[in-house]
Structures are given as C-alpha cells and as structure tokens.
Amino acid sequence: FGDEDKGAVFEGTYMVLPAEPDVPLDQGGSEALEE
C-alpha cells in the first residue's frame, strides 16, 4: 500500500505544479503548495 499511496500523492501534486522536469521537487514542489 505505501507505494500506491506515494504514487497517488505524487501524481496529484505533479498535476498541480507546472511540468518542469529540470526543476527538482525540493526546489519548490511541496513548498510551493504550502504558500
């Protein structure tokens, strides 16, 4: 179940963020969502 959960969270987060493969998540992934 852990993997499915992480996948769902990642997909949901990724859809909200702009698709920029060169920008790592730690440079604005979850931080951007919290503001």
PDB file of N, CA and C in Angstrom:
ATOM      1  N   PHE A   1       0.741  -1.192   0.000  1.00  0.00           N
ATOM      2  CA  PHE A   1       0.000   0.000   0.000  1.00  0.00           C
ATOM      3  C   PHE A   1       0.809   1.302   0.000  1.00  0.00           C
ATOM      4  N   GLY A   2       2.000   1.297   0.617  1.00  0.00           N
ATOM      5  CA  GLY A   2       2.835   2.506   0.686  1.00  0.00           C
ATOM      6  C   GLY A   2       3.152   3.070  -0.685  1.00  0.00           C
ATOM      7  N   ASP A   3       3.456   2.136  -1.603  1.00  0.00           N
ATOM      8  CA  ASP A   3       3.813   2.587  -2.953  1.00  0.00           C
ATOM      9  C   ASP A   3       2.630   3.235  -3.671  1.00  0.00           C
ATOM     10  N   GLU A   4       1.463   2.622  -3.527  1.00  0.00           N
ATOM     11  CA  GLU A   4       0.281   3.190  -4.197  1.00  0.00           C
ATOM     12  C   GLU A   4      -0.022   4.574  -3.647  1.00  0.00           C
ATOM     13  N   ASP A   5       0.109   4.699  -2.337  1.00  0.00           N
ATOM     14  CA  ASP A   5      -0.154   5.970  -1.683  1.00  0.00           C
ATOM     15  C   ASP A   5       0.789   7.053  -2.190  1.00  0.00           C
ATOM     16  N   LYS A   6       2.080   6.752  -2.202  1.00  0.00           N
ATOM     17  CA  LYS A   6       3.059   7.735  -2.677  1.00  0.00           C
ATOM     18  C   LYS A   6       2.796   8.095  -4.130  1.00  0.00           C
ATOM     19  N   GLY A   7       2.455   7.110  -4.930  1.00  0.00           N
ATOM     20  CA  GLY A   7       2.185   7.362  -6.349  1.00  0.00           C
ATOM     21  C   GLY A   7       1.007   8.305  -6.525  1.00  0.00           C
ATOM     22  N   ALA A   8      -0.044   8.071  -5.762  1.00  0.00           N
ATOM     23  CA  ALA A   8      -1.236   8.918  -5.872  1.00  0.00           C
ATOM     24  C   ALA A   8      -0.919  10.347  -5.438  1.00  0.00           C
ATOM     25  N   VAL A   9      -0.185  10.473  -4.343  1.00  0.00           N
ATOM     26  CA  VAL A   9       0.177  11.805  -3.850  1.00  0.00           C
ATOM     27  C   VAL A   9       1.071  12.508  -4.857  1.00  0.00           C
ATOM     28  N   PHE A  10       2.036  11.777  -5.406  1.00  0.00           N
ATOM     29  CA  PHE A  10       2.950  12.372  -6.379  1.00  0.00           C
ATOM     30  C   PHE A  10       2.200  12.819  -7.624  1.00  0.00           C
ATOM     31  N   GLU A  11       1.326  11.976  -8.127  1.00  0.00           N
ATOM     32  CA  GLU A  11       0.574  12.334  -9.338  1.00  0.00           C
ATOM     33  C   GLU A  11      -0.311  13.545  -9.077  1.00  0.00           C
ATOM     34  N   GLY A  12      -0.976  13.576  -7.935  1.00  0.00           N
ATOM     35  CA  GLY A  12      -1.841  14.702  -7.604  1.00  0.00           C
ATOM     36  C   GLY A  12      -1.044  15.994  -7.480  1.00  0.00           C
ATOM     37  N   THR A  13       0.119  15.903  -6.820  1.00  0.00           N
ATOM     38  CA  THR A  13       0.967  17.083  -6.654  1.00  0.00           C
ATOM     39  C   THR A  13       1.504  17.535  -7.999  1.00  0.00           C
ATOM     40  N   TYR A  14       1.955  16.574  -8.798  1.00  0.00           N
ATOM     41  CA  TYR A  14       2.570  16.908 -10.086  1.00  0.00           C
ATOM     42  C   TYR A  14       1.579  17.597 -11.015  1.00  0.00           C
ATOM     43  N   MET A  15       0.319  17.203 -10.946  1.00  0.00           N
ATOM     44  CA  MET A  15      -0.687  17.813 -11.824  1.00  0.00           C
ATOM     45  C   MET A  15      -0.942  19.272 -11.444  1.00  0.00           C
ATOM     46  N   VAL A  16      -0.732  19.609 -10.182  1.00  0.00           N
ATOM     47  CA  VAL A  16      -0.948  20.978  -9.719  1.00  0.00           C
ATOM     48  C   VAL A  16       0.227  21.874 -10.106  1.00  0.00           C
ATOM     49  N   LEU A  17       1.407  21.276 -10.114  1.00  0.00           N
ATOM     50  CA  LEU A  17       2.611  22.046 -10.437  1.00  0.00           C
ATOM     51  C   LEU A  17       2.815  22.146 -11.937  1.00  0.00           C
ATOM     52  N   PRO A  18       3.553  23.176 -12.371  1.00  0.00           N
ATOM     53  CA  PRO A  18       3.918  23.252 -13.787  1.00  0.00           C
ATOM     54  C   PRO A  18       4.842  22.089 -14.141  1.00  0.00           C
ATOM     55  N   ALA A  19       4.743  21.593 -15.348  1.00  0.00           N
ATOM     56  CA  ALA A  19       5.570  20.451 -15.741  1.00  0.00           C
ATOM     57  C   ALA A  19       6.966  20.926 -16.129  1.00  0.00           C
ATOM     58  N   GLU A  20       7.870  20.940 -15.152  1.00  0.00           N
ATOM     59  CA  GLU A  20       9.251  21.349 -15.421  1.00  0.00           C
ATOM     60  C   GLU A  20      10.183  20.254 -14.937  1.00  0.00           C
ATOM     61  N   PRO A  21      10.506  19.315 -15.809  1.00  0.00           N
ATOM     62  CA  PRO A  21      11.332  18.170 -15.403  1.00  0.00           C
ATOM     63  C   PRO A  21      12.709  18.575 -14.922  1.00  0.00           C
ATOM     64  N   ASP A  22      13.223  19.752 -15.323  1.00  0.00           N
ATOM     65  CA  ASP A  22      14.554  20.086 -14.836  1.00  0.00           C
ATOM     66  C   ASP A  22      14.564  20.701 -13.459  1.00  0.00           C
ATOM     67  N   VAL A  23      13.383  21.005 -12.915  1.00  0.00           N
ATOM     68  CA  VAL A  23      13.341  21.578 -11.570  1.00  0.00           C
ATOM     69  C   VAL A  23      13.011  20.478 -10.565  1.00  0.00           C
ATOM     70  N   PRO A  24      13.957  20.160  -9.682  1.00  0.00           N
ATOM     71  CA  PRO A  24      13.714  19.108  -8.686  1.00  0.00           C
ATOM     72  C   PRO A  24      12.584  19.506  -7.730  1.00  0.00           C
ATOM     73  N   LEU A  25      11.865  18.513  -7.200  1.00  0.00           N
ATOM     74  CA  LEU A  25      10.756  18.796  -6.296  1.00  0.00           C
ATOM     75  C   LEU A  25      11.205  19.595  -5.080  1.00  0.00           C
ATOM     76  N   ASP A  26      12.433  19.336  -4.598  1.00  0.00           N
ATOM     77  CA  ASP A  26      12.872  20.023  -3.385  1.00  0.00           C
ATOM     78  C   ASP A  26      13.151  21.501  -3.633  1.00  0.00           C
ATOM     79  N   GLN A  27      13.038  21.967  -4.875  1.00  0.00           N
ATOM     80  CA  GLN A  27      13.257  23.386  -5.146  1.00  0.00           C
ATOM     81  C   GLN A  27      11.942  24.138  -5.316  1.00  0.00           C
ATOM     82  N   GLY A  28      10.846  23.581  -4.862  1.00  0.00           N
ATOM     83  CA  GLY A  28       9.588  24.310  -4.982  1.00  0.00           C
ATOM     84  C   GLY A  28       8.391  23.390  -5.088  1.00  0.00           C
ATOM     85  N   GLY A  29       8.593  22.095  -4.924  1.00  0.00           N
ATOM     86  CA  GLY A  29       7.488  21.145  -5.006  1.00  0.00           C
ATOM     87  C   GLY A  29       6.484  21.370  -3.895  1.00  0.00           C
ATOM     88  N   SER A  30       6.690  20.728  -2.750  1.00  0.00           N
ATOM     89  CA  SER A  30       5.724  20.853  -1.669  1.00  0.00           C
ATOM     90  C   SER A  30       5.744  22.240  -1.048  1.00  0.00           C
ATOM     91  N   GLU A  31       6.869  22.920  -1.087  1.00  0.00           N
ATOM     92  CA  GLU A  31       6.935  24.266  -0.512  1.00  0.00           C
ATOM     93  C   GLU A  31       5.974  25.197  -1.237  1.00  0.00           C
ATOM     94  N   ALA A  32       5.897  25.075  -2.546  1.00  0.00           N
ATOM     95  CA  ALA A  32       5.018  25.930  -3.341  1.00  0.00           C
ATOM     96  C   ALA A  32       3.553  25.691  -2.952  1.00  0.00           C
ATOM     97  N   LEU A  33       3.203  24.445  -2.645  1.00  0.00           N
ATOM     98  CA  LEU A  33       1.825  24.120  -2.293  1.00  0.00           C
ATOM     99  C   LEU A  33       1.434  24.695  -0.935  1.00  0.00           C
ATOM    100  N   GLU A  34       2.403  24.833  -0.022  1.00  0.00           N
ATOM    101  CA  GLU A  34       2.074  25.287   1.326  1.00  0.00           C
ATOM    102  C   GLU A  34       1.821  26.781   1.395  1.00  0.00           C
ATOM    103  N   GLU A  35       2.252  27.555   0.422  1.00  0.00           N
ATOM    104  CA  GLU A  35       2.084  29.004   0.496  1.00  0.00           C
ATOM    105  C   GLU A  35       0.725  29.441  -0.013  1.00  0.00           C
TER     106      GLU A  35
END
